[in-house]
Each structure stands twice: as C-alpha cells, then as structure tokens.
Amino acid sequence: MEHANEDNPSIHRLQHKDTEIILIGTAHVSRDSAQLVTDTIEAETPDTVCVELCPTRLAAIRDTDRWRNMDIIKVIKEKRSLMLFMNLLLASFQKKIADRFDIRPGQEMVNAIEAAEKIEADVVPADRDIQITLSRVWRGMGMWARIKLLFSMVFSFGSADDIQEEDIEKMKQEDILQTLLADVKKFHPIIEQVLIDERDQYLAQRIASAGGHRVVAVVGAAHVPGIRKYLTDGHFTSLASLDQVPPPGSLGKLLKWLIPGLILVLFVFGFAMEGKDAGTDMIWIWVAANGIFAGVGAVLAMAHPYTIIASVLAAPLTSLNPMIAAGWVSGLVEAFSRKPKVRDLEAIPRDIVSIKGFWRNPVTRILLVVIFTNLGSSIGTMTAVPLMLKLLG
C-alpha cells in the first residue's frame, strides 16, 4: 500500500509488513532536493534512514582524508586501475555540475546522514558497491562496447558544461550514471539492466530489511518506480546474486591464451617454413609493433621517460604472457619514478574537474599510463599479426 505525499510528489509513503517507509526521490545535484531531505527527516523522526550509498561511499563521506590513505601501487597490483579511473570520471561529472550550481556533490545524502545523526536514527547504506556495479557492466560488454563506454565517460566532461540549472529537475528522472552514459546506453541494454533494474532490487531489499518501525529512504528519483514495484510485489533476486561479479566470458578466457599461442606458432612456422630471415623478421615486427604502440600510449599519458622505456621493452613480452599486462608494468614504473605525495592525493577531488587536471595530478596520470599503455599494446598486437601472416605467403 502506498501513496504520494499530497504536498510534495517527490515523497512516497509505503507500508511494508510492519514498517512504514517514506521514500524520497531526489536529484543528486539539486539544492531543493537536499533541503527536502533535511526537512522530511526532521518532521518524520524515523528509526532508520537509508541512503543511496554503498558502505564504501558512506565511509568516504565520513572520512574527509580518504584520498590521502589510497595506495595507488596496491590498486595497480589488484588490477583495479580501470575501475578506479571510471569511478573518478563519474565523480568528476557530478562535481562539475555541482560546482556550477554551488552545491556539494551528493549534498542530499550528506544532509540525510547529518539529519539522521541529529535525531540518533540508524544510518543504513542501501546501495550496491559502485565497483561491483561497474564491474558487472564491464563484464557484460564486448570489446567494442567497452571502448564506447570509456569514450562516453570521457566525453562527459563536455556535456557537463552544457547543463543548465533548469536541466537539474529533468535529471531527477535519470540516475546520475545513466546521464553520464546516455550515449552508450542506447547501444547496450546491460547499462539499463545493471544500473537501474538491479540496483532497484538491491535498494528495495536493503530498505525492507533496514529495521525500525519507520524508515526514511533517500534515493535518486529514477529508482523510485522500481523500488516501489519491488517493495509492493516482494519478488526479489537474492542480494548474493546481485553482488556477484560475473567471471570473464569463455571467449575472453580463450583469446587470452589463444592469441599468445597463435603468435608463438607463427614464430615457429616462420622459421620452419620460410627460413631464418622470415622468422627473424616476424620477431622484429612483433617487437616493434608492440613496443612502439605501447610507448606511444605512455607518451600520450605524459609518462616519465623511464616509464616510456619500460613500456617499449615490456609490451612485446607481456603480450605473450596472459597473466601480465604492459600497463601494469608501466604503471608500477611510473608510480616509483614519480611517487605521489600526500598533497597529490588530497588534490584529486580538485584536479578531476578538468581533463588537464587528470594529466597534471601524478595519481590520475598513473591510471592514464596503465590504460593507455594497455591500449597501445593491444593495437600493436592487432597491427603485428596481419603483417606476420603476410610473411608466410
């Protein structure tokens, strides 16, 4: 049973078993939404306040020194560079909009936490971890869709500059991630499925199990219809299932080993069928293509000279080893060559607002080095293989 608040259509009241749920649909960069959250919590005095944050993001809001505690080397070793980069692009998009209209990103969530603590209500982070969400999107896409996803996120820098204050109310109808990925989501249904439908289910279950007789839930307005639907019919997918990161596809696993195997077979055939000269030429083509393109990637990321050299030397070898990527090597060399200082970590929120800032900050530059070197090495492999096959003709 539910109905919209007579005074404000952004507020919905639902009854789920013995719990009264007051659902507030907000825009993540709206001054009015932030004030509505404070006023509603103070008026309703709930036992529990649920926020559209995962535990990690809740901790980040409460810990203003979170950036200074980040270990970039650990990020590279754990193969989380790309996910961190995508997360920073999302944060950049939201912060640029918020800065234009003089409001803190996610202010409505900050207000919810502060209002809850003021009345001593429990605060429950109800959203799925952002890394799991992005990983589920990434794993559900093919190579071409992934490239479009990255470009769409990068080009969000420009789209944020075009948004006017009257557009903020329109953004209430979309999740902030949806807005950021507006172009790519037209071509890939998994964007809508993972970012909205799955999170609707996740948020609904977390809100339903939050505890207390009266619960206020603060969520993006795009999630309100789905949450209402799932709370009403009670048909949920298990949280464990929604929290699971799918393993790499079988094709991806196969190619990971097949491509290096194919290259080695080409070397053998080159020497056996065409002679020493052809085999040697194949090796030089492989080394040159991988090394040059990986080096170009490092140069585009404005890497340290040592990093560029390491990229050129490592790429021909790492491309033959499914367990190591050229970007991981170059990223680690960059991290040790230009070890980020505490002030660099603290400057991340300020620097990510501009493309120039991504290159200027030593921490985000390391992420660019990893991504660009890996991309260059992949292009080198795709360039080398046809040239090597020609030698067999």
Protein backbone atom coordinates (compact mmCIF):
# COMPACT_ATOMS: atom_id res chain seq x y z
CA MET A 1 0.00 0.00 0.00
CA GLU A 2 1.46 3.38 -0.95
CA HIS A 3 0.58 6.89 -1.97
CA ALA A 4 2.40 10.05 -2.94
CA ASN A 5 2.64 12.83 -0.39
CA GLU A 6 -0.13 15.34 -1.05
CA ASP A 7 2.22 18.31 -0.66
CA ASN A 8 5.28 17.02 -2.49
CA PRO A 9 5.22 14.45 -5.32
CA SER A 10 8.85 13.55 -4.56
CA ILE A 11 7.77 11.86 -1.31
CA HIS A 12 6.04 8.46 -1.32
CA ARG A 13 4.69 6.55 1.68
CA LEU A 14 4.61 2.76 1.61
CA GLN A 15 3.67 0.11 4.12
CA HIS A 16 5.88 -2.99 4.00
CA LYS A 17 4.79 -5.56 6.59
CA ASP A 18 5.13 -3.72 9.93
CA THR A 19 7.34 -0.95 8.59
CA GLU A 20 6.24 2.46 7.32
CA ILE A 21 8.62 3.58 4.55
CA ILE A 22 8.91 7.22 3.47
CA LEU A 23 10.64 7.21 0.10
CA ILE A 24 12.21 10.48 -1.06
CA GLY A 25 13.13 10.78 -4.74
CA THR A 26 15.94 13.28 -5.24
CA ALA A 27 18.22 14.83 -7.85
CA HIS A 28 21.83 14.28 -6.80
CA VAL A 29 22.86 17.87 -7.52
CA SER A 30 19.71 19.76 -6.54
CA ARG A 31 19.64 22.33 -3.76
CA ASP A 32 15.88 21.82 -3.34
CA SER A 33 16.30 18.04 -3.00
CA ALA A 34 18.95 18.47 -0.32
CA GLN A 35 16.69 20.75 1.72
CA LEU A 36 13.69 18.44 1.24
CA VAL A 37 15.68 15.56 2.74
CA THR A 38 16.57 17.55 5.87
CA ASP A 39 13.03 18.83 6.36
CA THR A 40 11.45 15.39 5.88
CA ILE A 41 13.75 13.57 8.31
CA GLU A 42 13.29 16.26 10.96
CA ALA A 43 9.50 16.11 10.54
CA GLU A 44 9.15 12.30 10.40
CA THR A 45 11.77 11.40 13.07
CA PRO A 46 12.33 7.87 11.66
CA ASP A 47 14.05 4.99 13.45
CA THR A 48 16.25 4.39 10.40
CA VAL A 49 17.48 6.43 7.44
CA CYS A 50 18.54 4.55 4.30
CA VAL A 51 20.76 6.34 1.81
CA GLU A 52 21.62 5.52 -1.80
CA LEU A 53 25.25 4.89 -0.87
CA CYS A 54 27.30 1.73 -0.55
CA PRO A 55 29.34 1.22 2.65
CA THR A 56 32.48 2.38 0.85
CA ARG A 57 30.93 5.65 -0.30
CA LEU A 58 29.35 6.23 3.11
CA ALA A 59 32.77 5.82 4.72
CA ALA A 60 34.22 8.20 2.11
CA ILE A 61 31.72 10.93 3.04
CA ARG A 62 32.53 10.50 6.71
CA ASP A 63 36.30 10.31 6.13
CA THR A 64 37.47 13.53 4.54
CA ASP A 65 41.05 12.20 4.47
CA ARG A 66 40.17 9.16 2.35
CA TRP A 67 42.31 10.19 -0.61
CA ARG A 68 45.44 10.54 1.49
CA ASN A 69 45.06 6.89 2.54
CA MET A 70 44.85 5.49 -1.02
CA ASP A 71 47.64 3.12 -2.08
CA ILE A 72 47.98 3.53 -5.85
CA ILE A 73 50.52 0.70 -6.11
CA LYS A 74 48.04 -1.66 -4.45
CA VAL A 75 45.37 -0.51 -6.91
CA ILE A 76 47.61 -1.44 -9.85
CA LYS A 77 48.62 -4.80 -8.40
CA GLU A 78 45.00 -5.70 -7.71
CA LYS A 79 44.09 -4.80 -11.32
CA ARG A 80 41.65 -2.10 -10.21
CA SER A 81 43.12 0.80 -12.23
CA LEU A 82 40.38 0.89 -14.84
CA MET A 83 37.57 0.67 -12.28
CA LEU A 84 39.12 3.47 -10.23
CA PHE A 85 39.51 5.59 -13.37
CA MET A 86 35.83 5.08 -14.28
CA ASN A 87 34.82 5.92 -10.73
CA LEU A 88 36.84 9.14 -10.89
CA LEU A 89 35.20 10.07 -14.20
CA LEU A 90 31.80 9.62 -12.56
CA ALA A 91 32.88 11.75 -9.59
CA SER A 92 34.22 14.38 -11.99
CA PHE A 93 30.93 14.59 -13.90
CA GLN A 94 28.93 15.01 -10.71
CA LYS A 95 31.37 17.51 -9.20
CA LYS A 96 31.46 19.70 -12.33
CA ILE A 97 27.68 20.00 -12.28
CA ALA A 98 27.65 20.64 -8.53
CA ASP A 99 30.38 23.31 -8.79
CA ARG A 100 28.43 25.15 -11.48
CA PHE A 101 25.43 25.48 -9.18
CA ASP A 102 27.34 25.90 -5.92
CA ILE A 103 26.23 22.70 -4.21
CA ARG A 104 28.31 19.87 -2.81
CA PRO A 105 28.08 16.64 -4.84
CA GLY A 106 25.63 14.29 -3.16
CA GLN A 107 24.56 17.02 -0.74
CA GLU A 108 21.19 15.33 -0.23
CA MET A 109 23.00 12.23 1.09
CA VAL A 110 25.18 14.37 3.36
CA ASN A 111 22.04 16.10 4.66
CA ALA A 112 20.37 12.73 5.25
CA ILE A 113 23.32 11.47 7.29
CA GLU A 114 23.55 14.65 9.34
CA ALA A 115 19.80 14.80 9.98
CA ALA A 116 19.75 11.11 10.97
CA GLU A 117 22.63 11.54 13.40
CA LYS A 118 20.94 14.60 14.89
CA ILE A 119 17.87 12.55 15.88
CA GLU A 120 20.02 9.46 16.66
CA ALA A 121 18.46 7.35 13.90
CA ASP A 122 20.38 4.45 12.39
CA VAL A 123 22.04 5.17 9.02
CA VAL A 124 21.94 2.27 6.55
CA PRO A 125 23.96 2.34 3.29
CA ALA A 126 21.44 0.67 0.97
CA ASP A 127 23.18 0.70 -2.41
CA ARG A 128 25.41 -1.90 -4.04
CA ASP A 129 29.15 -1.24 -4.08
CA ILE A 130 29.98 1.00 -7.04
CA GLN A 131 32.92 -1.24 -8.03
CA ILE A 132 30.62 -4.26 -8.29
CA THR A 133 28.12 -2.27 -10.37
CA LEU A 134 30.77 -1.03 -12.79
CA SER A 135 32.36 -4.49 -12.96
CA ARG A 136 29.02 -6.09 -13.83
CA VAL A 137 28.53 -3.54 -16.62
CA TRP A 138 32.09 -4.07 -17.89
CA ARG A 139 31.91 -7.88 -17.83
CA GLY A 140 28.60 -7.84 -19.68
CA MET A 141 30.04 -5.94 -22.65
CA GLY A 142 32.11 -6.88 -25.66
CA MET A 143 35.34 -5.12 -26.61
CA TRP A 144 33.74 -2.54 -28.91
CA ALA A 145 31.04 -1.67 -26.36
CA ARG A 146 33.74 -1.23 -23.70
CA ILE A 147 35.62 1.22 -25.89
CA LYS A 148 32.41 3.20 -26.47
CA LEU A 149 31.74 3.13 -22.72
CA LEU A 150 35.14 4.67 -21.93
CA PHE A 151 34.81 7.33 -24.62
CA SER A 152 31.29 8.16 -23.45
CA MET A 153 32.55 8.69 -19.91
CA VAL A 154 35.50 10.80 -21.07
CA PHE A 155 33.29 12.99 -23.25
CA SER A 156 31.03 13.62 -20.24
CA PHE A 157 33.46 16.43 -19.39
CA GLY A 158 31.99 18.48 -22.22
CA SER A 159 28.37 17.52 -21.64
CA ALA A 160 28.52 18.66 -18.02
CA ASP A 161 29.42 22.18 -19.18
CA ASP A 162 26.24 22.38 -21.27
CA ILE A 163 23.83 21.56 -18.45
CA GLN A 164 21.71 24.50 -17.27
CA GLU A 165 20.06 24.87 -13.87
CA GLU A 166 16.63 24.12 -15.32
CA ASP A 167 18.02 20.80 -16.57
CA ILE A 168 18.66 19.69 -12.99
CA GLU A 169 14.97 18.97 -12.46
CA LYS A 170 14.98 16.85 -15.63
CA MET A 171 17.90 14.89 -14.20
CA LYS A 172 15.59 13.75 -11.41
CA GLN A 173 14.19 11.31 -13.94
CA GLU A 174 17.58 9.67 -14.51
CA ASP A 175 20.24 8.07 -12.37
CA ILE A 176 23.48 10.09 -12.46
CA LEU A 177 25.22 7.11 -14.06
CA GLN A 178 22.50 6.98 -16.70
CA THR A 179 23.05 10.63 -17.51
CA LEU A 180 26.79 10.07 -17.81
CA LEU A 181 26.34 7.06 -20.10
CA ALA A 182 23.47 8.49 -22.14
CA ASP A 183 25.14 7.79 -25.49
CA VAL A 184 26.39 4.27 -24.91
CA LYS A 185 23.25 3.00 -23.17
CA LYS A 186 21.36 3.37 -26.46
CA PHE A 187 23.54 0.64 -27.90
CA HIS A 188 23.81 -1.74 -24.96
CA PRO A 189 20.84 -2.94 -22.86
CA ILE A 190 23.07 -4.02 -19.98
CA ILE A 191 23.51 -0.38 -18.94
CA GLU A 192 19.82 -0.10 -18.06
CA GLN A 193 19.69 -3.57 -16.52
CA VAL A 194 22.68 -3.22 -14.20
CA LEU A 195 22.50 0.48 -13.33
CA ILE A 196 18.77 0.71 -12.76
CA ASP A 197 16.83 -2.56 -12.53
CA GLU A 198 19.39 -4.50 -10.48
CA ARG A 199 20.00 -1.57 -8.17
CA ASP A 200 16.23 -1.03 -7.79
CA GLN A 201 16.02 -4.59 -6.48
CA TYR A 202 19.07 -4.16 -4.30
CA LEU A 203 17.87 -0.88 -2.79
CA ALA A 204 14.37 -2.25 -2.20
CA GLN A 205 15.69 -5.27 -0.30
CA ARG A 206 18.07 -3.23 1.80
CA ILE A 207 15.32 -0.74 2.65
CA ALA A 208 12.88 -3.55 3.52
CA SER A 209 15.40 -5.16 5.89
CA ALA A 210 16.77 -1.92 7.39
CA GLY A 211 14.95 -2.31 10.70
CA GLY A 212 12.71 0.03 12.65
CA HIS A 213 9.01 0.83 12.51
CA ARG A 214 9.52 3.97 10.42
CA VAL A 215 12.17 4.24 7.71
CA VAL A 216 13.08 7.22 5.54
CA ALA A 217 14.87 6.20 2.33
CA VAL A 218 16.75 8.81 0.29
CA VAL A 219 17.31 7.65 -3.31
CA GLY A 220 17.66 9.11 -6.79
CA ALA A 221 14.25 9.77 -8.31
CA ALA A 222 14.99 7.38 -11.19
CA HIS A 223 14.95 4.49 -8.71
CA VAL A 224 11.61 5.34 -7.08
CA PRO A 225 9.27 3.49 -9.51
CA GLY A 226 11.37 0.31 -9.38
CA ILE A 227 11.75 0.36 -5.59
CA ARG A 228 8.01 0.86 -5.16
CA LYS A 229 7.35 -2.04 -7.54
CA TYR A 230 9.66 -4.47 -5.74
CA LEU A 231 8.53 -3.45 -2.27
CA THR A 232 4.90 -3.92 -3.35
CA ASP A 233 5.18 -7.32 -5.04
CA GLY A 234 8.00 -8.63 -2.81
CA HIS A 235 9.67 -10.60 -5.61
CA PHE A 236 13.42 -10.15 -5.15
CA THR A 237 16.60 -11.56 -6.66
CA SER A 238 18.92 -12.59 -3.83
CA LEU A 239 21.46 -9.97 -2.72
CA ALA A 240 24.23 -12.56 -3.05
CA SER A 241 23.36 -12.98 -6.71
CA LEU A 242 23.27 -9.22 -7.31
CA ASP A 243 26.61 -8.81 -5.52
CA GLN A 244 28.36 -11.40 -7.66
CA VAL A 245 30.83 -10.21 -10.29
CA PRO A 246 30.46 -12.46 -13.36
CA PRO A 247 33.65 -14.27 -14.35
CA PRO A 248 35.26 -13.33 -17.67
CA GLY A 249 33.40 -14.78 -20.65
CA SER A 250 34.60 -18.05 -22.12
CA LEU A 251 35.60 -16.27 -25.34
CA GLY A 252 37.70 -13.79 -23.38
CA LYS A 253 39.40 -16.60 -21.47
CA LEU A 254 40.05 -18.45 -24.71
CA LEU A 255 41.51 -15.42 -26.50
CA LYS A 256 43.68 -14.62 -23.50
CA TRP A 257 45.61 -17.85 -24.17
CA LEU A 258 44.86 -18.33 -27.85
CA ILE A 259 46.44 -15.10 -29.10
CA PRO A 260 49.84 -15.65 -27.40
CA GLY A 261 49.70 -19.26 -28.59
CA LEU A 262 48.98 -18.13 -32.15
CA ILE A 263 51.92 -15.72 -32.07
CA LEU A 264 54.31 -18.43 -30.90
CA VAL A 265 53.01 -20.78 -33.60
CA LEU A 266 53.62 -18.06 -36.20
CA PHE A 267 57.20 -17.71 -35.00
CA VAL A 268 57.75 -21.46 -35.33
CA PHE A 269 56.16 -21.60 -38.80
CA GLY A 270 58.16 -18.59 -39.88
CA PHE A 271 61.47 -20.24 -39.06
CA ALA A 272 60.40 -23.73 -40.21
CA MET A 273 58.67 -22.85 -43.49
CA GLU A 274 60.18 -19.57 -44.63
CA GLY A 275 63.64 -19.77 -43.15
CA LYS A 276 65.70 -17.86 -40.65
CA ASP A 277 65.22 -14.46 -42.30
CA ALA A 278 61.40 -14.65 -42.28
CA GLY A 279 61.35 -15.89 -38.68
CA THR A 280 63.65 -13.10 -37.60
CA ASP A 281 61.54 -10.54 -39.47
CA MET A 282 58.45 -11.80 -37.63
CA ILE A 283 60.13 -11.31 -34.29
CA TRP A 284 61.15 -7.77 -35.24
CA ILE A 285 57.63 -6.95 -36.43
CA TRP A 286 56.20 -8.22 -33.16
CA VAL A 287 58.71 -6.35 -31.01
CA ALA A 288 58.42 -3.12 -32.99
CA ALA A 289 54.61 -3.02 -33.22
CA ASN A 290 54.02 -3.81 -29.56
CA GLY A 291 56.87 -1.67 -28.29
CA ILE A 292 56.13 1.38 -30.44
CA PHE A 293 52.37 1.48 -29.81
CA ALA A 294 52.76 0.85 -26.07
CA GLY A 295 55.42 3.56 -25.97
CA VAL A 296 53.11 5.96 -27.82
CA GLY A 297 50.41 5.20 -25.25
CA ALA A 298 52.83 6.06 -22.44
CA VAL A 299 53.85 9.27 -24.23
CA LEU A 300 50.20 10.31 -24.65
CA ALA A 301 49.77 9.80 -20.89
CA MET A 302 52.80 12.11 -20.38
CA ALA A 303 54.66 9.34 -18.56
CA HIS A 304 58.14 9.60 -17.07
CA PRO A 305 60.96 8.75 -19.56
CA TYR A 306 61.77 5.62 -17.54
CA THR A 307 58.12 4.58 -17.88
CA ILE A 308 58.15 5.07 -21.64
CA ILE A 309 61.28 2.93 -21.93
CA ALA A 310 59.74 0.27 -19.68
CA SER A 311 56.58 0.25 -21.82
CA VAL A 312 58.54 -0.25 -25.03
CA LEU A 313 60.59 -3.08 -23.51
CA ALA A 314 57.78 -4.80 -21.61
CA ALA A 315 54.96 -4.80 -24.18
CA PRO A 316 56.41 -7.41 -26.58
CA LEU A 317 56.92 -9.79 -23.63
CA THR A 318 53.75 -9.11 -21.64
CA SER A 319 51.63 -9.55 -24.80
CA LEU A 320 52.83 -13.16 -24.85
CA ASN A 321 52.04 -13.68 -21.17
CA PRO A 322 48.30 -13.92 -20.38
CA MET A 323 48.97 -13.22 -16.70
CA ILE A 324 50.70 -9.83 -17.08
CA ALA A 325 49.68 -6.66 -18.91
CA ALA A 326 52.04 -4.00 -20.23
CA GLY A 327 50.06 -1.31 -18.40
CA TRP A 328 50.67 -2.92 -15.03
CA VAL A 329 54.41 -2.79 -15.61
CA SER A 330 54.37 0.80 -16.87
CA GLY A 331 52.00 1.88 -14.08
CA LEU A 332 54.29 0.50 -11.40
CA VAL A 333 57.36 2.10 -13.00
CA GLU A 334 55.51 5.44 -13.17
CA ALA A 335 54.43 5.11 -9.52
CA PHE A 336 58.00 4.50 -8.39
CA SER A 337 59.52 7.10 -10.75
CA ARG A 338 57.11 9.83 -9.66
CA LYS A 339 55.90 8.66 -6.29
CA PRO A 340 52.71 10.58 -5.46
CA LYS A 341 52.88 12.81 -2.39
CA VAL A 342 50.15 13.32 0.17
CA ARG A 343 49.27 16.67 -1.41
CA ASP A 344 48.76 14.92 -4.76
CA LEU A 345 46.27 12.52 -3.19
CA GLU A 346 44.47 15.38 -1.46
CA ALA A 347 44.28 17.31 -4.76
CA ILE A 348 42.41 14.54 -6.62
CA PRO A 349 38.88 15.94 -5.99
CA ARG A 350 40.01 19.32 -7.33
CA ASP A 351 42.05 18.06 -10.28
CA ILE A 352 39.50 15.64 -11.72
CA VAL A 353 37.21 18.52 -12.66
CA SER A 354 39.28 19.15 -15.82
CA ILE A 355 40.93 16.97 -18.44
CA LYS A 356 44.15 18.91 -17.85
CA GLY A 357 43.88 18.05 -14.17
CA PHE A 358 43.79 14.31 -14.92
CA TRP A 359 47.14 14.63 -16.66
CA ARG A 360 48.58 17.07 -14.11
CA ASN A 361 47.89 15.03 -10.99
CA PRO A 362 50.53 12.28 -10.52
CA VAL A 363 47.94 9.81 -9.19
CA THR A 364 45.44 10.08 -12.04
CA ARG A 365 48.33 10.25 -14.52
CA ILE A 366 49.40 6.80 -13.31
CA LEU A 367 45.92 5.49 -14.14
CA LEU A 368 46.18 7.05 -17.61
CA VAL A 369 49.58 5.40 -18.07
CA VAL A 370 48.12 1.98 -17.24
CA ILE A 371 45.12 2.40 -19.56
CA PHE A 372 46.96 4.00 -22.50
CA THR A 373 49.86 1.54 -22.39
CA ASN A 374 47.49 -1.43 -22.36
CA LEU A 375 45.51 0.09 -25.23
CA GLY A 376 48.70 0.73 -27.19
CA SER A 377 49.92 -2.82 -26.65
CA SER A 378 46.55 -4.19 -27.86
CA ILE A 379 46.74 -2.04 -31.00
CA GLY A 380 50.31 -3.25 -31.51
CA THR A 381 49.17 -6.87 -31.38
CA MET A 382 46.35 -6.26 -33.88
CA THR A 383 48.83 -4.49 -36.18
CA ALA A 384 51.57 -7.12 -35.92
CA VAL A 385 49.55 -10.27 -36.58
CA PRO A 386 48.44 -9.40 -40.18
CA LEU A 387 51.97 -8.28 -41.05
CA MET A 388 53.42 -11.54 -39.72
CA LEU A 389 50.87 -13.59 -41.66
CA LYS A 390 51.91 -11.83 -44.86
CA LEU A 391 55.43 -13.20 -44.44
CA LEU A 392 54.02 -16.74 -44.60
CA GLY A 393 52.56 -16.09 -48.03
